[in-house]
PDB file of N, CA and C in Angstrom:
ATOM      1  N   MET A   1      11.050   4.163  43.733  1.00  0.00           N
ATOM      2  CA  MET A   1      11.767   4.167  42.473  1.00  0.00           C
ATOM      3  C   MET A   1      11.335   2.935  41.812  1.00  0.00           C
ATOM      4  N   SER A   2      11.066   2.881  40.554  1.00  0.00           N
ATOM      5  CA  SER A   2      10.611   1.759  39.691  1.00  0.00           C
ATOM      6  C   SER A   2      11.832   0.904  39.485  1.00  0.00           C
ATOM      7  N   GLU A   3      11.525  -0.351  39.213  1.00  0.00           N
ATOM      8  CA  GLU A   3      12.634  -1.435  38.929  1.00  0.00           C
ATOM      9  C   GLU A   3      13.349  -1.046  37.665  1.00  0.00           C
ATOM     10  N   GLU A   4      12.688  -0.478  36.679  1.00  0.00           N
ATOM     11  CA  GLU A   4      13.282  -0.014  35.367  1.00  0.00           C
ATOM     12  C   GLU A   4      14.341   0.997  35.733  1.00  0.00           C
ATOM     13  N   ASN A   5      14.129   2.021  36.529  1.00  0.00           N
ATOM     14  CA  ASN A   5      15.048   3.052  36.771  1.00  0.00           C
ATOM     15  C   ASN A   5      16.091   2.634  37.597  1.00  0.00           C
ATOM     16  N   SER A   6      15.988   1.569  38.495  1.00  0.00           N
ATOM     17  CA  SER A   6      16.994   1.257  39.441  1.00  0.00           C
ATOM     18  C   SER A   6      18.071   0.114  38.787  1.00  0.00           C
ATOM     19  N   ALA A   7      17.603  -0.408  37.556  1.00  0.00           N
ATOM     20  CA  ALA A   7      18.498  -1.430  36.929  1.00  0.00           C
ATOM     21  C   ALA A   7      19.811  -0.705  36.446  1.00  0.00           C
ATOM     22  N   VAL A   8      20.814  -1.458  36.858  1.00  0.00           N
ATOM     23  CA  VAL A   8      22.138  -0.984  36.494  1.00  0.00           C
ATOM     24  C   VAL A   8      22.745  -1.999  35.485  1.00  0.00           C
ATOM     25  N   LYS A   9      23.382  -1.455  34.464  1.00  0.00           N
ATOM     26  CA  LYS A   9      23.910  -2.463  33.538  1.00  0.00           C
ATOM     27  C   LYS A   9      25.279  -2.748  33.684  1.00  0.00           C
ATOM     28  N   GLN A  10      25.590  -4.026  33.616  1.00  0.00           N
ATOM     29  CA  GLN A  10      26.958  -4.641  33.984  1.00  0.00           C
ATOM     30  C   GLN A  10      27.670  -4.651  32.655  1.00  0.00           C
ATOM     31  N   ALA A  11      28.953  -4.997  32.855  1.00  0.00           N
ATOM     32  CA  ALA A  11      29.826  -4.973  31.763  1.00  0.00           C
ATOM     33  C   ALA A  11      29.445  -5.939  30.679  1.00  0.00           C
ATOM     34  N   ASP A  12      28.833  -7.219  31.032  1.00  0.00           N
ATOM     35  CA  ASP A  12      28.244  -8.125  30.153  1.00  0.00           C
ATOM     36  C   ASP A  12      26.885  -8.054  29.733  1.00  0.00           C
ATOM     37  N   GLU A  13      26.342  -6.717  29.798  1.00  0.00           N
ATOM     38  CA  GLU A  13      24.908  -6.536  29.511  1.00  0.00           C
ATOM     39  C   GLU A  13      24.743  -5.372  28.651  1.00  0.00           C
ATOM     40  N   LYS A  14      23.664  -5.198  28.059  1.00  0.00           N
ATOM     41  CA  LYS A  14      23.297  -4.216  27.236  1.00  0.00           C
ATOM     42  C   LYS A  14      21.848  -3.762  27.434  1.00  0.00           C
ATOM     43  N   PHE A  15      21.293  -2.704  26.801  1.00  0.00           N
ATOM     44  CA  PHE A  15      19.946  -2.408  26.978  1.00  0.00           C
ATOM     45  C   PHE A  15      19.184  -2.877  25.680  1.00  0.00           C
ATOM     46  N   CYS A  16      17.963  -3.429  25.758  1.00  0.00           N
ATOM     47  CA  CYS A  16      17.123  -3.950  24.700  1.00  0.00           C
ATOM     48  C   CYS A  16      16.715  -2.691  23.827  1.00  0.00           C
ATOM     49  N   GLU A  17      16.999  -2.773  22.547  1.00  0.00           N
ATOM     50  CA  GLU A  17      16.516  -1.733  21.756  1.00  0.00           C
ATOM     51  C   GLU A  17      15.050  -1.407  21.596  1.00  0.00           C
ATOM     52  N   SER A  18      14.251  -2.473  22.002  1.00  0.00           N
ATOM     53  CA  SER A  18      12.850  -2.231  21.967  1.00  0.00           C
ATOM     54  C   SER A  18      12.061  -1.870  23.234  1.00  0.00           C
ATOM     55  N   CYS A  19      12.556  -2.494  24.327  1.00  0.00           N
ATOM     56  CA  CYS A  19      11.743  -2.220  25.634  1.00  0.00           C
ATOM     57  C   CYS A  19      12.650  -1.464  26.646  1.00  0.00           C
ATOM     58  N   GLY A  20      13.919  -1.488  26.345  1.00  0.00           N
ATOM     59  CA  GLY A  20      14.918  -0.778  27.181  1.00  0.00           C
ATOM     60  C   GLY A  20      15.357  -1.515  28.488  1.00  0.00           C
ATOM     61  N   LYS A  21      14.969  -2.656  28.577  1.00  0.00           N
ATOM     62  CA  LYS A  21      15.417  -3.522  29.785  1.00  0.00           C
ATOM     63  C   LYS A  21      16.837  -3.970  29.669  1.00  0.00           C
ATOM     64  N   VAL A  22      17.474  -4.153  30.740  1.00  0.00           N
ATOM     65  CA  VAL A  22      18.799  -4.737  30.644  1.00  0.00           C
ATOM     66  C   VAL A  22      18.678  -6.236  30.283  1.00  0.00           C
ATOM     67  N   ILE A  23      19.596  -6.643  29.289  1.00  0.00           N
ATOM     68  CA  ILE A  23      19.645  -7.977  28.900  1.00  0.00           C
ATOM     69  C   ILE A  23      21.247  -8.314  28.764  1.00  0.00           C
ATOM     70  N   LYS A  24      21.460  -9.551  28.685  1.00  0.00           N
ATOM     71  CA  LYS A  24      22.853 -10.129  28.493  1.00  0.00           C
ATOM     72  C   LYS A  24      23.195  -9.602  27.119  1.00  0.00           C
ATOM     73  N   GLU A  25      24.635  -9.234  26.949  1.00  0.00           N
ATOM     74  CA  GLU A  25      25.191  -8.830  25.828  1.00  0.00           C
ATOM     75  C   GLU A  25      24.985  -9.775  24.685  1.00  0.00           C
ATOM     76  N   LYS A  26      25.129 -11.117  24.911  1.00  0.00           N
ATOM     77  CA  LYS A  26      25.087 -12.248  24.002  1.00  0.00           C
ATOM     78  C   LYS A  26      23.726 -12.658  23.668  1.00  0.00           C
ATOM     79  N   ALA A  27      22.680 -12.074  24.326  1.00  0.00           N
ATOM     80  CA  ALA A  27      21.199 -12.441  24.005  1.00  0.00           C
ATOM     81  C   ALA A  27      20.892 -12.187  22.658  1.00  0.00           C
ATOM     82  N   GLU A  28      20.317 -13.222  21.947  1.00  0.00           N
ATOM     83  CA  GLU A  28      19.743 -12.890  20.680  1.00  0.00           C
ATOM     84  C   GLU A  28      18.429 -12.488  20.640  1.00  0.00           C
ATOM     85  N   ILE A  29      17.655 -12.939  21.623  1.00  0.00           N
ATOM     86  CA  ILE A  29      16.199 -12.540  21.953  1.00  0.00           C
ATOM     87  C   ILE A  29      15.988 -11.919  23.223  1.00  0.00           C
ATOM     88  N   CYS A  30      15.388 -10.793  23.331  1.00  0.00           N
ATOM     89  CA  CYS A  30      15.130 -10.138  24.615  1.00  0.00           C
ATOM     90  C   CYS A  30      14.106 -11.075  25.427  1.00  0.00           C
ATOM     91  N   PRO A  31      14.481 -11.538  26.548  1.00  0.00           N
ATOM     92  CA  PRO A  31      13.427 -12.328  27.356  1.00  0.00           C
ATOM     93  C   PRO A  31      12.197 -11.589  27.851  1.00  0.00           C
ATOM     94  N   ASN A  32      12.292 -10.142  27.931  1.00  0.00           N
ATOM     95  CA  ASN A  32      11.166  -9.332  28.322  1.00  0.00           C
ATOM     96  C   ASN A  32      10.175  -9.165  27.263  1.00  0.00           C
ATOM     97  N   CYS A  33      10.633  -8.730  25.982  1.00  0.00           N
ATOM     98  CA  CYS A  33       9.633  -8.346  24.953  1.00  0.00           C
ATOM     99  C   CYS A  33       9.623  -9.308  23.818  1.00  0.00           C
ATOM    100  N   GLY A  34      10.630 -10.345  23.648  1.00  0.00           N
ATOM    101  CA  GLY A  34      10.790 -11.168  22.599  1.00  0.00           C
ATOM    102  C   GLY A  34      11.330 -10.635  21.278  1.00  0.00           C
ATOM    103  N   VAL A  35      11.617  -9.458  21.255  1.00  0.00           N
ATOM    104  CA  VAL A  35      12.308  -8.890  20.099  1.00  0.00           C
ATOM    105  C   VAL A  35      13.784  -9.297  19.850  1.00  0.00           C
ATOM    106  N   ARG A  36      14.149  -9.666  18.556  1.00  0.00           N
ATOM    107  CA  ARG A  36      15.399 -10.218  18.196  1.00  0.00           C
ATOM    108  C   ARG A  36      16.311  -8.872  18.347  1.00  0.00           C
ATOM    109  N   ALA A  37      17.504  -9.045  19.127  1.00  0.00           N
ATOM    110  CA  ALA A  37      18.491  -8.087  19.177  1.00  0.00           C
ATOM    111  C   ALA A  37      19.330  -7.907  17.901  1.00  0.00           C
ATOM    112  N   ALA A  38      19.752  -6.872  17.659  1.00  0.00           N
ATOM    113  CA  ALA A  38      20.499  -6.572  16.534  1.00  0.00           C
ATOM    114  C   ALA A  38      21.954  -7.219  16.698  1.00  0.00           C
ATOM    115  N   GLN A  39      22.401  -7.864  15.673  1.00  0.00           N
ATOM    116  CA  GLN A  39      23.739  -8.571  15.823  1.00  0.00           C
ATOM    117  C   GLN A  39      24.801  -7.620  15.376  1.00  0.00           C
ATOM    118  N   PRO A  40      26.034  -7.706  16.068  1.00  0.00           N
ATOM    119  CA  PRO A  40      27.076  -6.745  15.657  1.00  0.00           C
ATOM    120  C   PRO A  40      27.586  -7.066  14.328  1.00  0.00           C
ATOM    121  N   VAL A  41      27.920  -5.940  13.560  1.00  0.00           N
ATOM    122  CA  VAL A  41      28.514  -6.098  12.315  1.00  0.00           C
ATOM    123  C   VAL A  41      30.101  -6.407  12.542  1.00  0.00           C
ATOM    124  N   PRO A  42      30.399  -7.486  11.953  1.00  0.00           N
ATOM    125  CA  PRO A  42      31.867  -7.918  12.016  1.00  0.00           C
ATOM    126  C   PRO A  42      32.788  -6.759  11.390  1.00  0.00           C
ATOM    127  N   LYS A  43      34.101  -6.793  11.820  1.00  0.00           N
ATOM    128  CA  LYS A  43      35.079  -5.861  11.405  1.00  0.00           C
ATOM    129  C   LYS A  43      35.874  -6.606  10.368  1.00  0.00           C
ATOM    130  N   THR A  44      36.321  -5.949   9.385  1.00  0.00           N
ATOM    131  CA  THR A  44      37.070  -6.577   8.488  1.00  0.00           C
ATOM    132  C   THR A  44      38.188  -5.478   7.821  1.00  0.00           C
ATOM    133  N   ASP A  45      39.410  -5.960   7.648  1.00  0.00           N
ATOM    134  CA  ASP A  45      40.396  -5.016   7.104  1.00  0.00           C
ATOM    135  C   ASP A  45      40.439  -5.250   5.621  1.00  0.00           C
ATOM    136  N   LYS A  46      39.651  -6.095   4.989  1.00  0.00           N
ATOM    137  CA  LYS A  46      39.655  -6.328   3.549  1.00  0.00           C
ATOM    138  C   LYS A  46      38.749  -5.317   2.964  1.00  0.00           C
ATOM    139  N   SER A  47      38.931  -5.100   1.495  1.00  0.00           N
ATOM    140  CA  SER A  47      38.225  -4.186   0.743  1.00  0.00           C
ATOM    141  C   SER A  47      37.483  -5.256  -0.258  1.00  0.00           C
ATOM    142  N   LYS A  48      36.134  -4.857  -0.398  1.00  0.00           N
ATOM    143  CA  LYS A  48      35.359  -5.507  -1.263  1.00  0.00           C
ATOM    144  C   LYS A  48      35.701  -5.240  -2.743  1.00  0.00           C
ATOM    145  N   THR A  49      36.162  -4.004  -2.910  1.00  0.00           N
ATOM    146  CA  THR A  49      36.438  -3.587  -4.217  1.00  0.00           C
ATOM    147  C   THR A  49      37.799  -4.136  -4.717  1.00  0.00           C
ATOM    148  N   THR A  50      38.786  -4.307  -3.730  1.00  0.00           N
ATOM    149  CA  THR A  50      39.917  -4.954  -4.006  1.00  0.00           C
ATOM    150  C   THR A  50      39.786  -6.442  -4.308  1.00  0.00           C
ATOM    151  N   ALA A  51      38.821  -7.038  -3.525  1.00  0.00           N
ATOM    152  CA  ALA A  51      38.658  -8.505  -3.768  1.00  0.00           C
ATOM    153  C   ALA A  51      37.978  -8.723  -5.066  1.00  0.00           C
ATOM    154  N   GLY A  52      37.050  -7.788  -5.420  1.00  0.00           N
ATOM    155  CA  GLY A  52      36.290  -7.929  -6.631  1.00  0.00           C
ATOM    156  C   GLY A  52      37.165  -7.713  -7.823  1.00  0.00           C
ATOM    157  N   VAL A  53      37.954  -6.701  -7.778  1.00  0.00           N
ATOM    158  CA  VAL A  53      38.990  -6.464  -8.957  1.00  0.00           C
ATOM    159  C   VAL A  53      39.963  -7.631  -9.171  1.00  0.00           C
ATOM    160  N   LEU A  54      40.457  -8.218  -7.946  1.00  0.00           N
ATOM    161  CA  LEU A  54      41.258  -9.408  -8.065  1.00  0.00           C
ATOM    162  C   LEU A  54      40.618 -10.573  -8.678  1.00  0.00           C
ATOM    163  N   ALA A  55      39.359 -10.760  -8.371  1.00  0.00           N
ATOM    164  CA  ALA A  55      38.678 -11.869  -8.971  1.00  0.00           C
ATOM    165  C   ALA A  55      38.383 -11.740 -10.390  1.00  0.00           C
ATOM    166  N   LEU A  56      38.168 -10.418 -10.794  1.00  0.00           N
ATOM    167  CA  LEU A  56      37.942 -10.311 -12.307  1.00  0.00           C
ATOM    168  C   LEU A  56      39.180 -10.412 -13.058  1.00  0.00           C
ATOM    169  N   PHE A  57      40.269  -9.895 -12.470  1.00  0.00           N
ATOM    170  CA  PHE A  57      41.569  -9.939 -13.406  1.00  0.00           C
ATOM    171  C   PHE A  57      42.483 -11.173 -13.006  1.00  0.00           C
ATOM    172  N   LEU A  58      42.552 -11.449 -11.816  1.00  0.00           N
ATOM    173  CA  LEU A  58      43.535 -12.623 -11.368  1.00  0.00           C
ATOM    174  C   LEU A  58      42.851 -13.792 -10.744  1.00  0.00           C
ATOM    175  N   GLY A  59      41.414 -13.810 -10.874  1.00  0.00           N
ATOM    176  CA  GLY A  59      40.733 -14.862 -10.260  1.00  0.00           C
ATOM    177  C   GLY A  59      40.986 -16.213 -10.826  1.00  0.00           C
ATOM    178  N   GLY A  60      41.495 -16.426 -11.980  1.00  0.00           N
ATOM    179  CA  GLY A  60      41.868 -17.573 -12.571  1.00  0.00           C
ATOM    180  C   GLY A  60      42.859 -18.363 -11.777  1.00  0.00           C
ATOM    181  N   ILE A  61      43.623 -17.564 -11.024  1.00  0.00           N
ATOM    182  CA  ILE A  61      44.755 -18.312 -10.253  1.00  0.00           C
ATOM    183  C   ILE A  61      44.387 -18.099  -8.849  1.00  0.00           C
ATOM    184  N   GLY A  62      43.243 -17.694  -8.500  1.00  0.00           N
ATOM    185  CA  GLY A  62      42.787 -17.622  -7.129  1.00  0.00           C
ATOM    186  C   GLY A  62      43.362 -16.501  -6.142  1.00  0.00           C
ATOM    187  N   ALA A  63      43.662 -15.426  -6.930  1.00  0.00           N
ATOM    188  CA  ALA A  63      44.191 -14.238  -6.178  1.00  0.00           C
ATOM    189  C   ALA A  63      43.248 -13.730  -5.015  1.00  0.00           C
ATOM    190  N   HIS A  64      41.981 -13.640  -5.565  1.00  0.00           N
ATOM    191  CA  HIS A  64      40.975 -13.086  -4.660  1.00  0.00           C
ATOM    192  C   HIS A  64      40.717 -14.014  -3.345  1.00  0.00           C
ATOM    193  N   LYS A  65      40.736 -15.270  -3.511  1.00  0.00           N
ATOM    194  CA  LYS A  65      40.749 -16.247  -2.418  1.00  0.00           C
ATOM    195  C   LYS A  65      41.757 -16.048  -1.388  1.00  0.00           C
ATOM    196  N   PHE A  66      43.088 -16.000  -1.945  1.00  0.00           N
ATOM    197  CA  PHE A  66      44.101 -15.851  -1.040  1.00  0.00           C
ATOM    198  C   PHE A  66      44.152 -14.419  -0.300  1.00  0.00           C
ATOM    199  N   TYR A  67      43.513 -13.473  -0.912  1.00  0.00           N
ATOM    200  CA  TYR A  67      43.277 -12.100  -0.324  1.00  0.00           C
ATOM    201  C   TYR A  67      42.291 -12.169   0.722  1.00  0.00           C
ATOM    202  N   LEU A  68      41.255 -13.053   0.534  1.00  0.00           N
ATOM    203  CA  LEU A  68      40.175 -13.036   1.447  1.00  0.00           C
ATOM    204  C   LEU A  68      40.444 -14.032   2.588  1.00  0.00           C
ATOM    205  N   GLY A  69      41.743 -14.613   2.552  1.00  0.00           N
ATOM    206  CA  GLY A  69      42.083 -15.715   3.672  1.00  0.00           C
ATOM    207  C   GLY A  69      41.648 -17.031   3.415  1.00  0.00           C
ATOM    208  N   GLN A  70      40.985 -17.378   2.315  1.00  0.00           N
ATOM    209  CA  GLN A  70      40.645 -18.701   1.865  1.00  0.00           C
ATOM    210  C   GLN A  70      41.627 -19.525   1.039  1.00  0.00           C
ATOM    211  N   SER A  71      42.865 -19.769   1.746  1.00  0.00           N
ATOM    212  CA  SER A  71      43.982 -20.354   1.172  1.00  0.00           C
ATOM    213  C   SER A  71      43.631 -21.765   0.514  1.00  0.00           C
ATOM    214  N   GLY A  72      42.958 -22.459   1.154  1.00  0.00           N
ATOM    215  CA  GLY A  72      42.609 -23.761   0.453  1.00  0.00           C
ATOM    216  C   GLY A  72      41.914 -23.755  -0.741  1.00  0.00           C
ATOM    217  N   THR A  73      40.874 -22.895  -0.893  1.00  0.00           N
ATOM    218  CA  THR A  73      40.202 -22.736  -2.123  1.00  0.00           C
ATOM    219  C   THR A  73      41.020 -21.857  -3.055  1.00  0.00           C
ATOM    220  N   GLY A  74      41.886 -21.159  -2.645  1.00  0.00           N
ATOM    221  CA  GLY A  74      42.854 -20.467  -3.634  1.00  0.00           C
ATOM    222  C   GLY A  74      43.835 -21.456  -4.200  1.00  0.00           C
ATOM    223  N   LEU A  75      44.369 -22.430  -3.451  1.00  0.00           N
ATOM    224  CA  LEU A  75      45.252 -23.359  -3.816  1.00  0.00           C
ATOM    225  C   LEU A  75      44.542 -24.222  -4.893  1.00  0.00           C
ATOM    226  N   ILE A  76      43.249 -24.543  -4.795  1.00  0.00           N
ATOM    227  CA  ILE A  76      42.438 -25.457  -5.611  1.00  0.00           C
ATOM    228  C   ILE A  76      42.478 -24.502  -6.910  1.00  0.00           C
ATOM    229  N   TYR A  77      42.200 -23.372  -6.913  1.00  0.00           N
ATOM    230  CA  TYR A  77      42.018 -22.483  -8.033  1.00  0.00           C
ATOM    231  C   TYR A  77      43.363 -22.451  -8.832  1.00  0.00           C
ATOM    232  N   LEU A  78      44.494 -22.321  -8.079  1.00  0.00           N
ATOM    233  CA  LEU A  78      45.819 -22.267  -8.590  1.00  0.00           C
ATOM    234  C   LEU A  78      46.167 -23.621  -9.344  1.00  0.00           C
ATOM    235  N   LEU A  79      45.777 -24.807  -8.764  1.00  0.00           N
ATOM    236  CA  LEU A  79      45.998 -25.952  -9.229  1.00  0.00           C
ATOM    237  C   LEU A  79      45.249 -26.327 -10.512  1.00  0.00           C
ATOM    238  N   MET A  80      44.067 -25.817 -10.775  1.00  0.00           N
ATOM    239  CA  MET A  80      43.114 -26.044 -11.624  1.00  0.00           C
ATOM    240  C   MET A  80      43.054 -24.943 -12.709  1.00  0.00           C
ATOM    241  N   CYS A  81      43.972 -23.993 -12.677  1.00  0.00           N
ATOM    242  CA  CYS A  81      43.954 -22.738 -13.591  1.00  0.00           C
ATOM    243  C   CYS A  81      44.131 -23.126 -14.899  1.00  0.00           C
ATOM    244  N   TRP A  82      44.752 -24.247 -15.319  1.00  0.00           N
ATOM    245  CA  TRP A  82      44.919 -24.581 -16.668  1.00  0.00           C
ATOM    246  C   TRP A  82      43.580 -25.044 -17.416  1.00  0.00           C
ATOM    247  N   THR A  83      42.406 -25.318 -16.600  1.00  0.00           N
ATOM    248  CA  THR A  83      41.226 -25.790 -17.223  1.00  0.00           C
ATOM    249  C   THR A  83      40.241 -24.661 -17.616  1.00  0.00           C
ATOM    250  N   LEU A  84      40.682 -23.346 -17.081  1.00  0.00           N
ATOM    251  CA  LEU A  84      39.862 -22.205 -17.385  1.00  0.00           C
ATOM    252  C   LEU A  84      38.613 -22.164 -16.494  1.00  0.00           C
ATOM    253  N   ILE A  85      38.334 -23.246 -15.857  1.00  0.00           N
ATOM    254  CA  ILE A  85      37.199 -23.290 -14.886  1.00  0.00           C
ATOM    255  C   ILE A  85      37.195 -22.258 -13.850  1.00  0.00           C
ATOM    256  N   PRO A  86      38.364 -22.123 -12.983  1.00  0.00           N
ATOM    257  CA  PRO A  86      38.403 -21.163 -12.085  1.00  0.00           C
ATOM    258  C   PRO A  86      38.249 -19.657 -12.517  1.00  0.00           C
ATOM    259  N   ALA A  87      38.605 -19.381 -13.848  1.00  0.00           N
ATOM    260  CA  ALA A  87      38.505 -18.220 -14.323  1.00  0.00           C
ATOM    261  C   ALA A  87      37.105 -17.854 -14.648  1.00  0.00           C
ATOM    262  N   LEU A  88      36.286 -18.743 -15.120  1.00  0.00           N
ATOM    263  CA  LEU A  88      34.782 -18.531 -15.207  1.00  0.00           C
ATOM    264  C   LEU A  88      34.098 -18.239 -13.945  1.00  0.00           C
ATOM    265  N   ILE A  89      34.471 -19.101 -12.953  1.00  0.00           N
ATOM    266  CA  ILE A  89      33.855 -19.089 -11.616  1.00  0.00           C
ATOM    267  C   ILE A  89      34.096 -17.708 -11.055  1.00  0.00           C
ATOM    268  N   SER A  90      35.435 -17.319 -11.142  1.00  0.00           N
ATOM    269  CA  SER A  90      35.867 -16.103 -10.496  1.00  0.00           C
ATOM    270  C   SER A  90      35.225 -14.873 -11.212  1.00  0.00           C
ATOM    271  N   LEU A  91      34.855 -14.998 -12.549  1.00  0.00           N
ATOM    272  CA  LEU A  91      34.191 -13.775 -13.073  1.00  0.00           C
ATOM    273  C   LEU A  91      32.885 -13.493 -12.471  1.00  0.00           C
ATOM    274  N   PHE A  92      32.082 -14.645 -12.160  1.00  0.00           N
ATOM    275  CA  PHE A  92      30.811 -14.434 -11.368  1.00  0.00           C
ATOM    276  C   PHE A  92      31.095 -13.985  -9.938  1.00  0.00           C
ATOM    277  N   GLU A  93      32.150 -14.524  -9.325  1.00  0.00           N
ATOM    278  CA  GLU A  93      32.379 -14.178  -7.896  1.00  0.00           C
ATOM    279  C   GLU A  93      32.897 -12.736  -7.897  1.00  0.00           C
ATOM    280  N   GLY A  94      33.727 -12.337  -8.872  1.00  0.00           N
ATOM    281  CA  GLY A  94      34.083 -10.843  -8.925  1.00  0.00           C
ATOM    282  C   GLY A  94      32.871  -9.849  -9.047  1.00  0.00           C
ATOM    283  N   LEU A  95      31.885 -10.233  -9.887  1.00  0.00           N
ATOM    284  CA  LEU A  95      30.704  -9.452 -10.052  1.00  0.00           C
ATOM    285  C   LEU A  95      29.891  -9.299  -8.800  1.00  0.00           C
ATOM    286  N   SER A  96      29.716 -10.606  -8.159  1.00  0.00           N
ATOM    287  CA  SER A  96      29.086 -10.711  -6.899  1.00  0.00           C
ATOM    288  C   SER A  96      29.708  -9.881  -5.862  1.00  0.00           C
ATOM    289  N   LEU A  97      30.994  -9.915  -5.633  1.00  0.00           N
ATOM    290  CA  LEU A  97      31.718  -9.099  -4.747  1.00  0.00           C
ATOM    291  C   LEU A  97      31.522  -7.677  -4.805  1.00  0.00           C
ATOM    292  N   LEU A  98      31.528  -7.169  -6.128  1.00  0.00           N
ATOM    293  CA  LEU A  98      31.443  -5.765  -6.339  1.00  0.00           C
ATOM    294  C   LEU A  98      29.982  -5.245  -6.234  1.00  0.00           C
ATOM    295  N   THR A  99      28.973  -6.133  -6.288  1.00  0.00           N
ATOM    296  CA  THR A  99      27.644  -5.591  -6.199  1.00  0.00           C
ATOM    297  C   THR A  99      27.071  -5.858  -4.773  1.00  0.00           C
ATOM    298  N   MET A 100      27.784  -6.616  -3.898  1.00  0.00           N
ATOM    299  CA  MET A 100      27.234  -6.875  -2.580  1.00  0.00           C
ATOM    300  C   MET A 100      27.473  -5.648  -1.741  1.00  0.00           C
ATOM    301  N   SER A 101      26.605  -5.467  -0.748  1.00  0.00           N
ATOM    302  CA  SER A 101      26.746  -4.352   0.149  1.00  0.00           C
ATOM    303  C   SER A 101      28.040  -4.385   1.181  1.00  0.00           C
ATOM    304  N   GLU A 102      28.431  -3.296   1.581  1.00  0.00           N
ATOM    305  CA  GLU A 102      29.548  -3.369   2.719  1.00  0.00           C
ATOM    306  C   GLU A 102      29.220  -4.340   3.895  1.00  0.00           C
ATOM    307  N   GLU A 103      28.001  -4.181   4.259  1.00  0.00           N
ATOM    308  CA  GLU A 103      27.565  -4.917   5.495  1.00  0.00           C
ATOM    309  C   GLU A 103      27.579  -6.474   5.306  1.00  0.00           C
ATOM    310  N   ALA A 104      27.076  -6.774   4.023  1.00  0.00           N
ATOM    311  CA  ALA A 104      26.978  -8.244   3.520  1.00  0.00           C
ATOM    312  C   ALA A 104      28.446  -8.779   3.377  1.00  0.00           C
ATOM    313  N   PHE A 105      29.315  -7.854   2.905  1.00  0.00           N
ATOM    314  CA  PHE A 105      30.745  -8.368   2.697  1.00  0.00           C
ATOM    315  C   PHE A 105      31.437  -8.561   3.995  1.00  0.00           C
ATOM    316  N   ALA A 106      31.196  -7.616   5.042  1.00  0.00           N
ATOM    317  CA  ALA A 106      31.687  -7.758   6.352  1.00  0.00           C
ATOM    318  C   ALA A 106      31.232  -9.042   7.103  1.00  0.00           C
ATOM    319  N   ARG A 107      29.882  -9.281   6.951  1.00  0.00           N
ATOM    320  CA  ARG A 107      29.420 -10.384   7.635  1.00  0.00           C
ATOM    321  C   ARG A 107      29.906 -11.799   6.911  1.00  0.00           C
ATOM    322  N   LYS A 108      30.185 -11.736   5.674  1.00  0.00           N
ATOM    323  CA  LYS A 108      30.680 -13.006   5.081  1.00  0.00           C
ATOM    324  C   LYS A 108      32.170 -13.167   5.271  1.00  0.00           C
ATOM    325  N   PHE A 109      32.971 -12.078   5.221  1.00  0.00           N
ATOM    326  CA  PHE A 109      34.432 -12.243   5.264  1.00  0.00           C
ATOM    327  C   PHE A 109      35.106 -11.587   6.439  1.00  0.00           C
ATOM    328  N   GLY A 110      34.263 -10.950   7.346  1.00  0.00           N
ATOM    329  CA  GLY A 110      34.875 -10.304   8.597  1.00  0.00           C
ATOM    330  C   GLY A 110      34.946 -11.239   9.733  1.00  0.00           C
ATOM    331  N   GLN A 111      35.496 -10.549  10.865  1.00  0.00           N
ATOM    332  CA  GLN A 111      35.575 -11.300  12.158  1.00  0.00           C
ATOM    333  C   GLN A 111      34.956 -10.478  13.193  1.00  0.00           C
ATOM    334  N   ILE A 112      34.308 -11.038  14.048  1.00  0.00           N
ATOM    335  CA  ILE A 112      33.628 -10.316  15.210  1.00  0.00           C
ATOM    336  C   ILE A 112      34.885  -9.768  16.061  1.00  0.00           C
ATOM    337  N   ALA A 113      34.932  -8.591  16.270  1.00  0.00           N
ATOM    338  CA  ALA A 113      36.064  -7.910  17.117  1.00  0.00           C
ATOM    339  C   ALA A 113      35.939  -8.121  18.617  1.00  0.00           C
TER     340      ALA A 113
END
């Protein structure tokens, strides 16, 4: 029996998507073939549409920052709302949030499960 067929995957291991060899779950690069392993997509319970709409309509007071869990930045937006600078910034942030892909949003604002 060949070594490849007798390999048994442990709980902390996975199969390389390129060569099929068993590698560690946290390995970024396969030591056998050198191909970069796919990174897991983080899970998020936040909606990019909700965050984008909050940024467009209530971004001047930092509502989208509080929604995304960035309380410190949200507090700065709230304290500086009288200058209208946060409103201008949040306009661009809202458009950016609404146009980014779901995967990019999850990578930026999600958590590895």
